[in-house]
Amino acid sequence: MVVAADEKAQAKGEQAEGKVKKVVGGAVGNQSLKAEGQAKESQGDLREAKEKAKDAVRPK
């Protein structure tokens, strides 16, 4: 399904963006950026978990 693939791609993008912000924030000592990255990464994790749950209940 196209929508599911789009959601999964968006989840991966959010995870990657969050990870970069978290690392950069930690490297430069910017706690706000680091926290923003952690939040974005968590948002991606939740979106990915939602998609996996939908896949698990979908008939094959």
N, C-alpha and C. Protein backbone atom coordinates (compact mmCIF):
# COMPACT_ATOMS: atom_id res chain seq x y z
N MET A 1 0.85 -1.18 0.00
CA MET A 1 0.00 0.00 0.00
C MET A 1 0.90 1.25 0.00
N VAL A 2 0.56 2.21 -0.80
CA VAL A 2 1.38 3.40 -0.97
C VAL A 2 1.41 4.25 0.30
N VAL A 3 0.28 4.39 0.96
CA VAL A 3 0.21 5.22 2.16
C VAL A 3 1.10 4.64 3.25
N ALA A 4 1.07 3.32 3.44
CA ALA A 4 1.90 2.68 4.46
C ALA A 4 3.38 2.88 4.15
N ALA A 5 3.76 2.74 2.91
CA ALA A 5 5.15 2.94 2.53
C ALA A 5 5.57 4.38 2.78
N ASP A 6 4.68 5.32 2.49
CA ASP A 6 4.96 6.73 2.73
C ASP A 6 5.14 7.00 4.22
N GLU A 7 4.29 6.41 5.04
CA GLU A 7 4.37 6.58 6.49
C GLU A 7 5.68 5.98 7.02
N LYS A 8 6.05 4.82 6.51
CA LYS A 8 7.29 4.18 6.94
C LYS A 8 8.50 5.02 6.56
N ALA A 9 8.47 5.58 5.36
CA ALA A 9 9.56 6.44 4.92
C ALA A 9 9.63 7.70 5.77
N GLN A 10 8.48 8.24 6.10
CA GLN A 10 8.44 9.44 6.94
C GLN A 10 9.00 9.12 8.33
N ALA A 11 8.68 7.95 8.85
CA ALA A 11 9.20 7.54 10.16
C ALA A 11 10.72 7.47 10.13
N LYS A 12 11.27 6.85 9.09
CA LYS A 12 12.73 6.73 8.96
C LYS A 12 13.37 8.12 8.83
N GLY A 13 12.72 9.01 8.10
CA GLY A 13 13.23 10.37 7.95
C GLY A 13 13.25 11.12 9.26
N GLU A 14 12.18 10.97 10.05
CA GLU A 14 12.12 11.63 11.35
C GLU A 14 13.18 11.07 12.29
N GLN A 15 13.38 9.76 12.24
CA GLN A 15 14.40 9.15 13.08
C GLN A 15 15.78 9.67 12.72
N ALA A 16 16.07 9.73 11.44
CA ALA A 16 17.38 10.20 10.98
C ALA A 16 17.59 11.67 11.32
N GLU A 17 16.58 12.49 11.09
CA GLU A 17 16.68 13.92 11.39
C GLU A 17 16.90 14.12 12.88
N GLY A 18 16.16 13.37 13.68
CA GLY A 18 16.29 13.49 15.13
C GLY A 18 17.67 13.07 15.61
N LYS A 19 18.17 11.99 15.03
CA LYS A 19 19.49 11.49 15.44
C LYS A 19 20.57 12.54 15.12
N VAL A 20 20.48 13.15 13.94
CA VAL A 20 21.46 14.17 13.55
C VAL A 20 21.39 15.36 14.51
N LYS A 21 20.18 15.84 14.78
CA LYS A 21 20.04 16.99 15.69
C LYS A 21 20.55 16.65 17.08
N LYS A 22 20.28 15.44 17.54
CA LYS A 22 20.71 15.02 18.87
C LYS A 22 22.24 15.00 18.95
N VAL A 23 22.88 14.43 17.94
CA VAL A 23 24.34 14.34 17.92
C VAL A 23 24.97 15.72 17.80
N VAL A 24 24.45 16.53 16.89
CA VAL A 24 25.01 17.88 16.70
C VAL A 24 24.80 18.71 17.96
N GLY A 25 23.62 18.63 18.54
CA GLY A 25 23.35 19.38 19.77
C GLY A 25 24.29 18.98 20.89
N GLY A 26 24.55 17.68 21.01
CA GLY A 26 25.48 17.21 22.03
C GLY A 26 26.90 17.66 21.74
N ALA A 27 27.29 17.65 20.48
CA ALA A 27 28.65 18.01 20.10
C ALA A 27 28.95 19.49 20.36
N VAL A 28 27.96 20.34 20.12
CA VAL A 28 28.20 21.78 20.30
C VAL A 28 27.71 22.28 21.65
N GLY A 29 27.15 21.39 22.46
CA GLY A 29 26.70 21.78 23.79
C GLY A 29 25.37 22.51 23.80
N ASN A 30 24.57 22.33 22.76
CA ASN A 30 23.27 22.98 22.68
C ASN A 30 22.20 22.00 23.18
N GLN A 31 21.81 22.14 24.43
CA GLN A 31 20.86 21.21 25.03
C GLN A 31 19.47 21.30 24.38
N SER A 32 19.11 22.48 23.93
CA SER A 32 17.81 22.66 23.28
C SER A 32 17.75 21.86 21.98
N LEU A 33 18.80 21.95 21.19
CA LEU A 33 18.86 21.22 19.92
C LEU A 33 18.91 19.72 20.19
N LYS A 34 19.65 19.33 21.20
CA LYS A 34 19.75 17.91 21.56
C LYS A 34 18.38 17.37 21.97
N ALA A 35 17.65 18.14 22.78
CA ALA A 35 16.30 17.72 23.21
C ALA A 35 15.34 17.68 22.03
N GLU A 36 15.45 18.65 21.13
CA GLU A 36 14.60 18.67 19.94
C GLU A 36 14.87 17.43 19.09
N GLY A 37 16.14 17.06 18.97
CA GLY A 37 16.50 15.86 18.22
C GLY A 37 15.94 14.61 18.86
N GLN A 38 16.03 14.52 20.18
CA GLN A 38 15.49 13.36 20.88
C GLN A 38 13.98 13.25 20.66
N ALA A 39 13.29 14.38 20.72
CA ALA A 39 11.84 14.39 20.51
C ALA A 39 11.49 13.95 19.09
N LYS A 40 12.23 14.43 18.12
CA LYS A 40 11.97 14.08 16.71
C LYS A 40 12.24 12.60 16.47
N GLU A 41 13.32 12.10 17.07
CA GLU A 41 13.66 10.69 16.92
C GLU A 41 12.56 9.82 17.56
N SER A 42 12.08 10.24 18.72
CA SER A 42 11.00 9.50 19.39
C SER A 42 9.71 9.53 18.56
N GLN A 43 9.45 10.65 17.93
CA GLN A 43 8.27 10.77 17.06
C GLN A 43 8.38 9.76 15.92
N GLY A 44 9.55 9.63 15.34
CA GLY A 44 9.77 8.65 14.28
C GLY A 44 9.62 7.23 14.79
N ASP A 45 10.12 6.98 16.00
CA ASP A 45 9.99 5.65 16.59
C ASP A 45 8.53 5.28 16.79
N LEU A 46 7.75 6.23 17.28
CA LEU A 46 6.32 5.98 17.50
C LEU A 46 5.58 5.74 16.18
N ARG A 47 5.92 6.52 15.17
CA ARG A 47 5.28 6.34 13.86
C ARG A 47 5.63 4.95 13.30
N GLU A 48 6.88 4.54 13.46
CA GLU A 48 7.30 3.23 12.97
C GLU A 48 6.57 2.12 13.73
N ALA A 49 6.44 2.27 15.03
CA ALA A 49 5.73 1.27 15.84
C ALA A 49 4.26 1.17 15.43
N LYS A 50 3.66 2.31 15.13
CA LYS A 50 2.26 2.33 14.68
C LYS A 50 2.11 1.56 13.38
N GLU A 51 3.04 1.78 12.45
CA GLU A 51 2.98 1.10 11.16
C GLU A 51 3.21 -0.40 11.32
N LYS A 52 4.12 -0.79 12.20
CA LYS A 52 4.36 -2.21 12.44
C LYS A 52 3.12 -2.86 13.04
N ALA A 53 2.45 -2.15 13.94
CA ALA A 53 1.22 -2.69 14.54
C ALA A 53 0.14 -2.85 13.49
N LYS A 54 0.03 -1.88 12.60
CA LYS A 54 -0.98 -1.98 11.53
C LYS A 54 -0.66 -3.15 10.61
N ASP A 55 0.62 -3.37 10.32
CA ASP A 55 1.02 -4.49 9.49
C ASP A 55 0.71 -5.83 10.16
N ALA A 56 0.86 -5.86 11.47
CA ALA A 56 0.63 -7.11 12.21
C ALA A 56 -0.84 -7.53 12.21
N VAL A 57 -1.75 -6.57 12.20
CA VAL A 57 -3.18 -6.91 12.25
C VAL A 57 -3.81 -7.00 10.85
N ARG A 58 -3.08 -6.55 9.85
CA ARG A 58 -3.59 -6.60 8.48
C ARG A 58 -3.59 -8.04 7.98
N PRO A 59 -4.70 -8.50 7.38
CA PRO A 59 -4.72 -9.86 6.82
C PRO A 59 -3.71 -10.00 5.69
N LYS A 60 -3.10 -11.15 5.62
CA LYS A 60 -2.06 -11.37 4.61
C LYS A 60 -2.62 -12.03 3.38
